[in-house]
Amino acid sequence: MNDLPLADLDAFTAVARERNFRAAARLRGVSASSLSEALRRLELRLGVRLLNRTTRSVTLTEAGEQLLERLSPALSEVAAALDQVGSFRDSATGTLRLNVATIVARVVLPGIIADFLHLYPGITLEVIAEDNFIDVLAAGFDAGVRYGEMLEKDMIAVPIGPRRQRFVIAASPAYLEAHGEPQHPRDILDHACIRHRFASGRVAPWEFERGGETVRLSPRARITANTLEVEIGAAIAGLGIIATFEEFVGPAIDRGELVPILEDWMPDFPGPYLYYASRRHMPPPLMAFVDFLKALPRP
């Protein structure tokens, strides 16, 4: 009996409380015949009569009274549970889980999330920063933030943060004075470099582009690290050439601690995107965040 249709039990409860099929049907917004059919199915499944029906009255049998007594609190709990789920649909409450690239966590989100969370006080935010591309849904996230070349083709993408960014190649004045300034990307092969290792273990090559010519290099690393502070500190100390996002080294360049080199070889590229699987049945926190991003002025 564990597979009794909940709708049929609800129909029995409605008729039993009203003692009238038409009155129960009006309350439920259905036809009296549909309630009668639901009661017929339920009694057939249980093998016992629940209601005594005449042309003038509906009364409960002893079995019906016992069932109604036990069902009422249980159905009230079900209704409360469904209302609670409905509140997630109708109001922006709950947890928004994002998996984002490190650059996004450091540079983009801090300027966005404060206004978003002030606007939606019922939303809590969980952010995991990593540079590997993962299946965000399988990992329990609502959405991810990555760059265009790392987006799955079947994902929906919404721009977030700056729409153009670029990498910068830089070194300290002391390093350039001691070792000379590279004039072509291939000159870097003769220099000490500071490379970044991703959590996956991958050390990405450095890419340069100018006038339709593209150069990809894996220069010799004097230092390899997975911590930005170590990498920038080493570059400032004159230990080698660094390649990273302009946002990361911009302050050191402004202070004169680092000098950009080969700037005409470093074109900009499209900024990051928030991506998610489907517009259907979006969690309210994610829907609120997407709407919030779309309403922001384009940087």
C-alpha atoms as a PDB file:
ATOM      1  CA  MET A   1       0.000   0.000   0.000  1.00  0.00           C
ATOM      2  CA  ASN A   2       3.032   2.297   0.073  1.00  0.00           C
ATOM      3  CA  ASP A   3       2.399   3.373  -3.506  1.00  0.00           C
ATOM      4  CA  LEU A   4      -1.061   4.901  -2.961  1.00  0.00           C
ATOM      5  CA  PRO A   5      -1.416   8.064  -5.069  1.00  0.00           C
ATOM      6  CA  LEU A   6      -1.120  11.150  -2.892  1.00  0.00           C
ATOM      7  CA  ALA A   7      -3.705  12.948  -5.052  1.00  0.00           C
ATOM      8  CA  ASP A   8      -6.306  10.281  -4.309  1.00  0.00           C
ATOM      9  CA  LEU A   9      -5.639  10.521  -0.569  1.00  0.00           C
ATOM     10  CA  ASP A  10      -5.970  14.299  -0.794  1.00  0.00           C
ATOM     11  CA  ALA A  11      -9.261  13.927  -2.669  1.00  0.00           C
ATOM     12  CA  PHE A  12     -10.612  11.624   0.054  1.00  0.00           C
ATOM     13  CA  THR A  13      -9.594  14.122   2.737  1.00  0.00           C
ATOM     14  CA  ALA A  14     -11.332  16.994   0.928  1.00  0.00           C
ATOM     15  CA  VAL A  15     -14.610  15.112   0.527  1.00  0.00           C
ATOM     16  CA  ALA A  16     -14.472  13.676   4.044  1.00  0.00           C
ATOM     17  CA  ARG A  17     -14.056  17.145   5.556  1.00  0.00           C
ATOM     18  CA  GLU A  18     -16.780  18.792   3.478  1.00  0.00           C
ATOM     19  CA  ARG A  19     -19.131  15.788   3.529  1.00  0.00           C
ATOM     20  CA  ASN A  20     -20.074  16.858   0.013  1.00  0.00           C
ATOM     21  CA  PHE A  21     -18.503  16.138  -3.366  1.00  0.00           C
ATOM     22  CA  ARG A  22     -19.560  19.405  -5.025  1.00  0.00           C
ATOM     23  CA  ALA A  23     -18.346  21.567  -2.129  1.00  0.00           C
ATOM     24  CA  ALA A  24     -15.007  19.751  -2.063  1.00  0.00           C
ATOM     25  CA  ALA A  25     -14.706  20.094  -5.830  1.00  0.00           C
ATOM     26  CA  ARG A  26     -15.240  23.877  -5.640  1.00  0.00           C
ATOM     27  CA  LEU A  27     -12.523  24.196  -3.003  1.00  0.00           C
ATOM     28  CA  ARG A  28     -10.098  22.119  -5.057  1.00  0.00           C
ATOM     29  CA  GLY A  29     -10.977  23.758  -8.368  1.00  0.00           C
ATOM     30  CA  VAL A  30     -11.805  20.389  -9.945  1.00  0.00           C
ATOM     31  CA  SER A  31     -14.934  18.553 -11.020  1.00  0.00           C
ATOM     32  CA  ALA A  32     -17.044  16.502  -8.640  1.00  0.00           C
ATOM     33  CA  SER A  33     -16.742  13.549 -11.021  1.00  0.00           C
ATOM     34  CA  SER A  34     -12.919  13.612 -10.752  1.00  0.00           C
ATOM     35  CA  LEU A  35     -13.182  13.419  -6.958  1.00  0.00           C
ATOM     36  CA  SER A  36     -15.663  10.582  -7.227  1.00  0.00           C
ATOM     37  CA  GLU A  37     -13.298   8.695  -9.537  1.00  0.00           C
ATOM     38  CA  ALA A  38     -10.382   9.287  -7.142  1.00  0.00           C
ATOM     39  CA  LEU A  39     -12.446   7.856  -4.242  1.00  0.00           C
ATOM     40  CA  ARG A  40     -13.406   4.852  -6.363  1.00  0.00           C
ATOM     41  CA  ARG A  41      -9.746   4.122  -7.143  1.00  0.00           C
ATOM     42  CA  LEU A  42      -8.708   4.534  -3.504  1.00  0.00           C
ATOM     43  CA  GLU A  43     -11.411   2.231  -2.157  1.00  0.00           C
ATOM     44  CA  LEU A  44     -10.582  -0.319  -4.847  1.00  0.00           C
ATOM     45  CA  ARG A  45      -6.907  -0.285  -3.893  1.00  0.00           C
ATOM     46  CA  LEU A  46      -7.647  -0.521  -0.161  1.00  0.00           C
ATOM     47  CA  GLY A  47     -10.422  -3.079  -0.533  1.00  0.00           C
ATOM     48  CA  VAL A  48     -12.624  -1.246   1.981  1.00  0.00           C
ATOM     49  CA  ARG A  49     -15.403   1.357   1.787  1.00  0.00           C
ATOM     50  CA  LEU A  50     -14.392   4.753   3.139  1.00  0.00           C
ATOM     51  CA  LEU A  51     -17.541   6.818   2.453  1.00  0.00           C
ATOM     52  CA  ASN A  52     -21.231   6.066   2.515  1.00  0.00           C
ATOM     53  CA  ARG A  53     -22.829   7.973  -0.361  1.00  0.00           C
ATOM     54  CA  THR A  54     -26.474   8.735  -0.929  1.00  0.00           C
ATOM     55  CA  THR A  55     -28.140  11.321  -3.156  1.00  0.00           C
ATOM     56  CA  ARG A  56     -28.509  13.605  -0.110  1.00  0.00           C
ATOM     57  CA  SER A  57     -25.498  12.926   2.113  1.00  0.00           C
ATOM     58  CA  VAL A  58     -21.929  11.689   2.401  1.00  0.00           C
ATOM     59  CA  THR A  59     -20.838  10.073   5.655  1.00  0.00           C
ATOM     60  CA  LEU A  60     -17.663   8.392   6.811  1.00  0.00           C
ATOM     61  CA  THR A  61     -17.459   4.717   7.514  1.00  0.00           C
ATOM     62  CA  GLU A  62     -15.487   3.592  10.561  1.00  0.00           C
ATOM     63  CA  ALA A  63     -12.536   2.842   8.303  1.00  0.00           C
ATOM     64  CA  GLY A  64     -12.911   6.264   6.717  1.00  0.00           C
ATOM     65  CA  GLU A  65     -12.912   8.026  10.091  1.00  0.00           C
ATOM     66  CA  GLN A  66      -9.724   6.259  11.159  1.00  0.00           C
ATOM     67  CA  LEU A  67      -8.027   7.044   7.847  1.00  0.00           C
ATOM     68  CA  LEU A  68      -9.016  10.716   8.013  1.00  0.00           C
ATOM     69  CA  GLU A  69      -7.731  10.980  11.584  1.00  0.00           C
ATOM     70  CA  ARG A  70      -4.334   9.605  10.580  1.00  0.00           C
ATOM     71  CA  LEU A  71      -4.113  11.386   7.218  1.00  0.00           C
ATOM     72  CA  SER A  72      -4.915  14.958   8.268  1.00  0.00           C
ATOM     73  CA  PRO A  73      -1.658  15.750  10.110  1.00  0.00           C
ATOM     74  CA  ALA A  74       0.408  13.909   7.503  1.00  0.00           C
ATOM     75  CA  LEU A  75      -1.131  15.844   4.604  1.00  0.00           C
ATOM     76  CA  SER A  76      -0.676  19.094   6.526  1.00  0.00           C
ATOM     77  CA  GLU A  77       3.046  18.297   6.765  1.00  0.00           C
ATOM     78  CA  VAL A  78       3.158  17.577   3.034  1.00  0.00           C
ATOM     79  CA  ALA A  79       1.412  20.878   2.259  1.00  0.00           C
ATOM     80  CA  ALA A  80       3.856  22.770   4.495  1.00  0.00           C
ATOM     81  CA  ALA A  81       6.814  21.081   2.789  1.00  0.00           C
ATOM     82  CA  LEU A  82       5.492  21.990  -0.670  1.00  0.00           C
ATOM     83  CA  ASP A  83       4.892  25.589   0.422  1.00  0.00           C
ATOM     84  CA  GLN A  84       8.475  25.772   1.641  1.00  0.00           C
ATOM     85  CA  VAL A  85       9.773  24.493  -1.704  1.00  0.00           C
ATOM     86  CA  GLY A  86       7.500  26.960  -3.476  1.00  0.00           C
ATOM     87  CA  SER A  87       9.043  29.788  -1.504  1.00  0.00           C
ATOM     88  CA  PHE A  88      12.383  28.970  -3.139  1.00  0.00           C
ATOM     89  CA  ARG A  89      10.710  29.444  -6.500  1.00  0.00           C
ATOM     90  CA  ASP A  90       8.862  32.629  -5.629  1.00  0.00           C
ATOM     91  CA  SER A  91      11.477  34.451  -3.561  1.00  0.00           C
ATOM     92  CA  ALA A  92      15.224  34.802  -3.856  1.00  0.00           C
ATOM     93  CA  THR A  93      16.297  32.830  -0.805  1.00  0.00           C
ATOM     94  CA  GLY A  94      18.727  29.977  -0.391  1.00  0.00           C
ATOM     95  CA  THR A  95      22.361  29.318  -1.216  1.00  0.00           C
ATOM     96  CA  LEU A  96      24.146  30.256  -4.441  1.00  0.00           C
ATOM     97  CA  ARG A  97      27.183  28.034  -5.073  1.00  0.00           C
ATOM     98  CA  LEU A  98      29.758  29.283  -7.581  1.00  0.00           C
ATOM     99  CA  ASN A  99      32.975  27.740  -8.877  1.00  0.00           C
ATOM    100  CA  VAL A 100      35.138  30.502 -10.348  1.00  0.00           C
ATOM    101  CA  ALA A 101      38.560  31.114 -11.823  1.00  0.00           C
ATOM    102  CA  THR A 102      41.108  32.541  -9.389  1.00  0.00           C
ATOM    103  CA  ILE A 103      41.335  35.843 -11.265  1.00  0.00           C
ATOM    104  CA  VAL A 104      37.551  36.216 -10.923  1.00  0.00           C
ATOM    105  CA  ALA A 105      37.632  35.557  -7.171  1.00  0.00           C
ATOM    106  CA  ARG A 106      40.421  38.093  -6.679  1.00  0.00           C
ATOM    107  CA  VAL A 107      39.428  40.852  -9.091  1.00  0.00           C
ATOM    108  CA  VAL A 108      35.816  40.531 -10.270  1.00  0.00           C
ATOM    109  CA  LEU A 109      33.636  39.212  -7.447  1.00  0.00           C
ATOM    110  CA  PRO A 110      34.726  41.642  -4.699  1.00  0.00           C
ATOM    111  CA  GLY A 111      33.203  44.511  -6.682  1.00  0.00           C
ATOM    112  CA  ILE A 112      29.940  42.659  -7.306  1.00  0.00           C
ATOM    113  CA  ILE A 113      28.906  40.455  -4.422  1.00  0.00           C
ATOM    114  CA  ALA A 114      28.460  43.167  -1.775  1.00  0.00           C
ATOM    115  CA  ASP A 115      25.762  44.990  -3.766  1.00  0.00           C
ATOM    116  CA  PHE A 116      24.155  41.682  -4.762  1.00  0.00           C
ATOM    117  CA  LEU A 117      23.923  40.340  -1.211  1.00  0.00           C
ATOM    118  CA  HIS A 118      22.661  43.679   0.120  1.00  0.00           C
ATOM    119  CA  LEU A 119      19.922  43.539  -2.515  1.00  0.00           C
ATOM    120  CA  TYR A 120      19.033  39.915  -1.653  1.00  0.00           C
ATOM    121  CA  PRO A 121      19.482  39.448   2.113  1.00  0.00           C
ATOM    122  CA  GLY A 122      17.875  36.004   1.959  1.00  0.00           C
ATOM    123  CA  ILE A 123      20.676  34.597  -0.219  1.00  0.00           C
ATOM    124  CA  THR A 124      23.902  33.102   1.108  1.00  0.00           C
ATOM    125  CA  LEU A 125      26.927  32.708  -1.156  1.00  0.00           C
ATOM    126  CA  GLU A 126      29.509  29.931  -1.414  1.00  0.00           C
ATOM    127  CA  VAL A 127      32.513  30.541  -3.694  1.00  0.00           C
ATOM    128  CA  ILE A 128      35.259  28.071  -4.593  1.00  0.00           C
ATOM    129  CA  ALA A 129      38.160  29.504  -6.593  1.00  0.00           C
ATOM    130  CA  GLU A 130      40.131  27.134  -8.824  1.00  0.00           C
ATOM    131  CA  ASP A 131      41.484  27.249 -12.340  1.00  0.00           C
ATOM    132  CA  ASN A 132      40.650  23.719 -13.433  1.00  0.00           C
ATOM    133  CA  PHE A 133      37.595  23.279 -15.599  1.00  0.00           C
ATOM    134  CA  ILE A 134      35.083  21.042 -13.847  1.00  0.00           C
ATOM    135  CA  ASP A 135      31.540  19.788 -14.350  1.00  0.00           C
ATOM    136  CA  VAL A 136      29.902  22.363 -12.092  1.00  0.00           C
ATOM    137  CA  LEU A 137      26.577  20.553 -11.797  1.00  0.00           C
ATOM    138  CA  ALA A 138      28.165  17.200 -10.969  1.00  0.00           C
ATOM    139  CA  ALA A 139      30.293  18.929  -8.335  1.00  0.00           C
ATOM    140  CA  GLY A 140      27.238  20.486  -6.679  1.00  0.00           C
ATOM    141  CA  PHE A 141      27.611  24.065  -7.950  1.00  0.00           C
ATOM    142  CA  ASP A 142      24.843  26.190  -9.443  1.00  0.00           C
ATOM    143  CA  ALA A 143      27.154  27.909 -11.923  1.00  0.00           C
ATOM    144  CA  GLY A 144      30.771  28.541 -12.840  1.00  0.00           C
ATOM    145  CA  VAL A 145      32.790  31.499 -14.076  1.00  0.00           C
ATOM    146  CA  ARG A 146      35.421  30.854 -16.737  1.00  0.00           C
ATOM    147  CA  TYR A 147      36.817  32.335 -19.943  1.00  0.00           C
ATOM    148  CA  GLY A 148      35.393  31.627 -23.383  1.00  0.00           C
ATOM    149  CA  GLU A 149      37.854  28.947 -24.436  1.00  0.00           C
ATOM    150  CA  MET A 150      36.901  26.867 -21.374  1.00  0.00           C
ATOM    151  CA  LEU A 151      33.106  26.998 -21.776  1.00  0.00           C
ATOM    152  CA  GLU A 152      31.102  23.954 -22.795  1.00  0.00           C
ATOM    153  CA  LYS A 153      29.160  24.571 -26.013  1.00  0.00           C
ATOM    154  CA  ASP A 154      25.782  23.644 -24.503  1.00  0.00           C
ATOM    155  CA  MET A 155      26.098  26.079 -21.597  1.00  0.00           C
ATOM    156  CA  ILE A 156      24.325  29.419 -21.267  1.00  0.00           C
ATOM    157  CA  ALA A 157      26.887  32.202 -20.780  1.00  0.00           C
ATOM    158  CA  VAL A 158      26.354  35.655 -19.253  1.00  0.00           C
ATOM    159  CA  PRO A 159      29.161  38.267 -19.231  1.00  0.00           C
ATOM    160  CA  ILE A 160      30.562  39.104 -15.809  1.00  0.00           C
ATOM    161  CA  GLY A 161      33.274  41.622 -14.942  1.00  0.00           C
ATOM    162  CA  PRO A 162      35.533  43.443 -17.442  1.00  0.00           C
ATOM    163  CA  ARG A 163      34.804  42.625 -21.059  1.00  0.00           C
ATOM    164  CA  ARG A 164      38.412  42.966 -22.182  1.00  0.00           C
ATOM    165  CA  GLN A 165      41.501  41.831 -20.274  1.00  0.00           C
ATOM    166  CA  ARG A 166      45.106  41.068 -21.107  1.00  0.00           C
ATOM    167  CA  PHE A 167      48.223  39.386 -19.832  1.00  0.00           C
ATOM    168  CA  VAL A 168      51.329  41.398 -19.041  1.00  0.00           C
ATOM    169  CA  ILE A 169      54.957  40.310 -19.272  1.00  0.00           C
ATOM    170  CA  ALA A 170      57.036  42.203 -16.719  1.00  0.00           C
ATOM    171  CA  ALA A 171      60.304  42.237 -14.828  1.00  0.00           C
ATOM    172  CA  SER A 172      61.967  44.456 -12.246  1.00  0.00           C
ATOM    173  CA  PRO A 173      64.187  47.364 -13.355  1.00  0.00           C
ATOM    174  CA  ALA A 174      67.135  45.656 -11.632  1.00  0.00           C
ATOM    175  CA  TYR A 175      66.599  42.417 -13.584  1.00  0.00           C
ATOM    176  CA  LEU A 176      66.348  44.236 -16.909  1.00  0.00           C
ATOM    177  CA  GLU A 177      69.470  46.268 -16.147  1.00  0.00           C
ATOM    178  CA  ALA A 178      71.406  43.102 -15.352  1.00  0.00           C
ATOM    179  CA  HIS A 179      70.092  40.874 -18.157  1.00  0.00           C
ATOM    180  CA  GLY A 180      68.785  43.199 -20.851  1.00  0.00           C
ATOM    181  CA  GLU A 181      65.233  43.640 -22.140  1.00  0.00           C
ATOM    182  CA  PRO A 182      63.845  41.038 -24.577  1.00  0.00           C
ATOM    183  CA  GLN A 183      62.950  42.544 -27.952  1.00  0.00           C
ATOM    184  CA  HIS A 184      61.122  39.475 -29.309  1.00  0.00           C
ATOM    185  CA  PRO A 185      59.201  36.744 -27.469  1.00  0.00           C
ATOM    186  CA  ARG A 186      61.834  34.152 -28.408  1.00  0.00           C
ATOM    187  CA  ASP A 187      64.459  36.220 -26.569  1.00  0.00           C
ATOM    188  CA  ILE A 188      62.681  35.141 -23.368  1.00  0.00           C
ATOM    189  CA  LEU A 189      64.099  31.649 -23.842  1.00  0.00           C
ATOM    190  CA  ASP A 190      67.455  33.094 -22.739  1.00  0.00           C
ATOM    191  CA  HIS A 191      66.020  34.542 -19.525  1.00  0.00           C
ATOM    192  CA  ALA A 192      65.035  33.260 -16.103  1.00  0.00           C
ATOM    193  CA  CYS A 193      61.267  33.123 -15.798  1.00  0.00           C
ATOM    194  CA  ILE A 194      58.683  32.799 -13.049  1.00  0.00           C
ATOM    195  CA  ARG A 195      56.017  30.274 -14.029  1.00  0.00           C
ATOM    196  CA  HIS A 196      52.624  29.473 -12.546  1.00  0.00           C
ATOM    197  CA  ARG A 197      51.605  25.887 -11.828  1.00  0.00           C
ATOM    198  CA  PHE A 198      47.858  25.186 -11.727  1.00  0.00           C
ATOM    199  CA  ALA A 199      46.274  22.845  -9.208  1.00  0.00           C
ATOM    200  CA  SER A 200      46.060  20.204 -11.941  1.00  0.00           C
ATOM    201  CA  GLY A 201      49.873  20.303 -12.189  1.00  0.00           C
ATOM    202  CA  ARG A 202      49.796  22.000 -15.576  1.00  0.00           C
ATOM    203  CA  VAL A 203      52.207  24.837 -16.368  1.00  0.00           C
ATOM    204  CA  ALA A 204      50.660  26.730 -19.257  1.00  0.00           C
ATOM    205  CA  PRO A 205      52.821  28.040 -22.103  1.00  0.00           C
ATOM    206  CA  TRP A 206      53.148  31.773 -22.643  1.00  0.00           C
ATOM    207  CA  GLU A 207      51.401  33.110 -25.743  1.00  0.00           C
ATOM    208  CA  PHE A 208      52.269  36.199 -27.774  1.00  0.00           C
ATOM    209  CA  GLU A 209      50.546  37.687 -30.780  1.00  0.00           C
ATOM    210  CA  ARG A 210      51.307  40.581 -33.125  1.00  0.00           C
ATOM    211  CA  GLY A 211      50.292  41.325 -36.683  1.00  0.00           C
ATOM    212  CA  GLY A 212      48.853  37.861 -37.241  1.00  0.00           C
ATOM    213  CA  GLU A 213      51.971  36.115 -35.877  1.00  0.00           C
ATOM    214  CA  THR A 214      51.452  33.908 -32.827  1.00  0.00           C
ATOM    215  CA  VAL A 215      54.298  32.620 -30.666  1.00  0.00           C
ATOM    216  CA  ARG A 216      53.819  30.023 -27.946  1.00  0.00           C
ATOM    217  CA  LEU A 217      56.731  29.375 -25.578  1.00  0.00           C
ATOM    218  CA  SER A 218      57.522  27.283 -22.525  1.00  0.00           C
ATOM    219  CA  PRO A 219      60.509  29.209 -21.176  1.00  0.00           C
ATOM    220  CA  ARG A 220      62.952  27.954 -18.568  1.00  0.00           C
ATOM    221  CA  ALA A 221      61.551  28.437 -15.073  1.00  0.00           C
ATOM    222  CA  ARG A 222      63.807  29.635 -12.308  1.00  0.00           C
ATOM    223  CA  ILE A 223      60.796  29.630 -10.001  1.00  0.00           C
ATOM    224  CA  THR A 224      57.559  27.688 -10.389  1.00  0.00           C
ATOM    225  CA  ALA A 225      54.804  28.354  -7.874  1.00  0.00           C
ATOM    226  CA  ASN A 226      51.060  28.107  -7.441  1.00  0.00           C
ATOM    227  CA  THR A 227      50.828  31.186  -5.231  1.00  0.00           C
ATOM    228  CA  LEU A 228      50.492  34.592  -6.806  1.00  0.00           C
ATOM    229  CA  GLU A 229      52.131  36.415  -3.903  1.00  0.00           C
ATOM    230  CA  VAL A 230      55.271  34.283  -4.251  1.00  0.00           C
ATOM    231  CA  GLU A 231      55.409  34.845  -8.004  1.00  0.00           C
ATOM    232  CA  ILE A 232      54.980  38.616  -7.878  1.00  0.00           C
ATOM    233  CA  GLY A 233      57.348  38.925  -4.919  1.00  0.00           C
ATOM    234  CA  ALA A 234      60.011  37.003  -6.818  1.00  0.00           C
ATOM    235  CA  ALA A 235      59.602  39.217  -9.865  1.00  0.00           C
ATOM    236  CA  ILE A 236      59.899  42.387  -7.778  1.00  0.00           C
ATOM    237  CA  ALA A 237      63.034  40.929  -6.151  1.00  0.00           C
ATOM    238  CA  GLY A 238      64.632  40.665  -9.609  1.00  0.00           C
ATOM    239  CA  LEU A 239      64.570  36.868  -9.869  1.00  0.00           C
ATOM    240  CA  GLY A 240      63.025  36.654 -13.324  1.00  0.00           C
ATOM    241  CA  ILE A 241      60.312  37.605 -15.816  1.00  0.00           C
ATOM    242  CA  ILE A 242      56.665  37.061 -14.916  1.00  0.00           C
ATOM    243  CA  ALA A 243      53.584  36.666 -17.125  1.00  0.00           C
ATOM    244  CA  THR A 244      50.158  37.092 -15.551  1.00  0.00           C
ATOM    245  CA  PHE A 245      46.946  39.114 -15.640  1.00  0.00           C
ATOM    246  CA  GLU A 246      47.429  42.870 -15.834  1.00  0.00           C
ATOM    247  CA  GLU A 247      45.201  43.276 -12.765  1.00  0.00           C
ATOM    248  CA  PHE A 248      47.637  41.248 -10.665  1.00  0.00           C
ATOM    249  CA  VAL A 249      50.825  43.156 -11.504  1.00  0.00           C
ATOM    250  CA  GLY A 250      49.284  46.567 -12.213  1.00  0.00           C
ATOM    251  CA  PRO A 251      49.930  47.949  -8.703  1.00  0.00           C
ATOM    252  CA  ALA A 252      53.605  46.905  -8.808  1.00  0.00           C
ATOM    253  CA  ILE A 253      53.955  48.505 -12.238  1.00  0.00           C
ATOM    254  CA  ASP A 254      52.346  51.699 -10.973  1.00  0.00           C
ATOM    255  CA  ARG A 255      54.842  51.774  -8.092  1.00  0.00           C
ATOM    256  CA  GLY A 256      57.760  51.287 -10.465  1.00  0.00           C
ATOM    257  CA  GLU A 257      58.650  47.900  -8.945  1.00  0.00           C
ATOM    258  CA  LEU A 258      57.980  46.117 -12.252  1.00  0.00           C
ATOM    259  CA  VAL A 259      58.298  47.234 -15.863  1.00  0.00           C
ATOM    260  CA  PRO A 260      56.084  45.832 -18.641  1.00  0.00           C
ATOM    261  CA  ILE A 261      57.946  44.446 -21.640  1.00  0.00           C
ATOM    262  CA  LEU A 262      56.911  43.282 -25.130  1.00  0.00           C
ATOM    263  CA  GLU A 263      53.664  45.221 -24.743  1.00  0.00           C
ATOM    264  CA  ASP A 264      52.906  45.223 -28.479  1.00  0.00           C
ATOM    265  CA  TRP A 265      52.901  41.415 -28.337  1.00  0.00           C
ATOM    266  CA  MET A 266      50.207  41.236 -25.640  1.00  0.00           C
ATOM    267  CA  PRO A 267      46.738  41.764 -27.182  1.00  0.00           C
ATOM    268  CA  ASP A 268      43.645  41.846 -25.040  1.00  0.00           C
ATOM    269  CA  PHE A 269      41.049  39.053 -24.931  1.00  0.00           C
ATOM    270  CA  PRO A 270      37.373  38.684 -23.901  1.00  0.00           C
ATOM    271  CA  GLY A 271      36.587  38.773 -20.196  1.00  0.00           C
ATOM    272  CA  PRO A 272      34.969  35.973 -18.187  1.00  0.00           C
ATOM    273  CA  TYR A 273      31.452  34.563 -18.313  1.00  0.00           C
ATOM    274  CA  LEU A 274      29.090  33.128 -15.757  1.00  0.00           C
ATOM    275  CA  TYR A 275      27.856  29.850 -17.210  1.00  0.00           C
ATOM    276  CA  TYR A 276      25.086  27.458 -16.212  1.00  0.00           C
ATOM    277  CA  ALA A 277      23.188  24.568 -17.705  1.00  0.00           C
ATOM    278  CA  SER A 278      19.608  25.655 -18.377  1.00  0.00           C
ATOM    279  CA  ARG A 279      17.109  28.461 -18.008  1.00  0.00           C
ATOM    280  CA  ARG A 280      14.424  25.962 -16.979  1.00  0.00           C
ATOM    281  CA  HIS A 281      13.805  25.508 -13.255  1.00  0.00           C
ATOM    282  CA  MET A 282      16.741  27.734 -12.302  1.00  0.00           C
ATOM    283  CA  PRO A 283      17.318  27.948  -8.537  1.00  0.00           C
ATOM    284  CA  PRO A 284      15.986  31.339  -7.392  1.00  0.00           C
ATOM    285  CA  PRO A 285      19.411  32.500  -6.065  1.00  0.00           C
ATOM    286  CA  LEU A 286      20.999  31.797  -9.461  1.00  0.00           C
ATOM    287  CA  MET A 287      18.121  33.471 -11.310  1.00  0.00           C
ATOM    288  CA  ALA A 288      18.502  36.530  -9.070  1.00  0.00           C
ATOM    289  CA  PHE A 289      22.258  36.637  -9.716  1.00  0.00           C
ATOM    290  CA  VAL A 290      21.811  36.365 -13.494  1.00  0.00           C
ATOM    291  CA  ASP A 291      19.228  39.165 -13.462  1.00  0.00           C
ATOM    292  CA  PHE A 292      21.550  41.239 -11.277  1.00  0.00           C
ATOM    293  CA  LEU A 293      24.466  40.805 -13.710  1.00  0.00           C
ATOM    294  CA  LYS A 294      22.322  41.694 -16.712  1.00  0.00           C
ATOM    295  CA  ALA A 295      21.241  44.913 -15.015  1.00  0.00           C
ATOM    296  CA  LEU A 296      24.799  46.059 -14.317  1.00  0.00           C
ATOM    297  CA  PRO A 297      26.364  48.673 -16.604  1.00  0.00           C
ATOM    298  CA  ARG A 298      28.853  47.058 -18.981  1.00  0.00           C
ATOM    299  CA  PRO A 299      32.397  47.750 -17.729  1.00  0.00           C
END
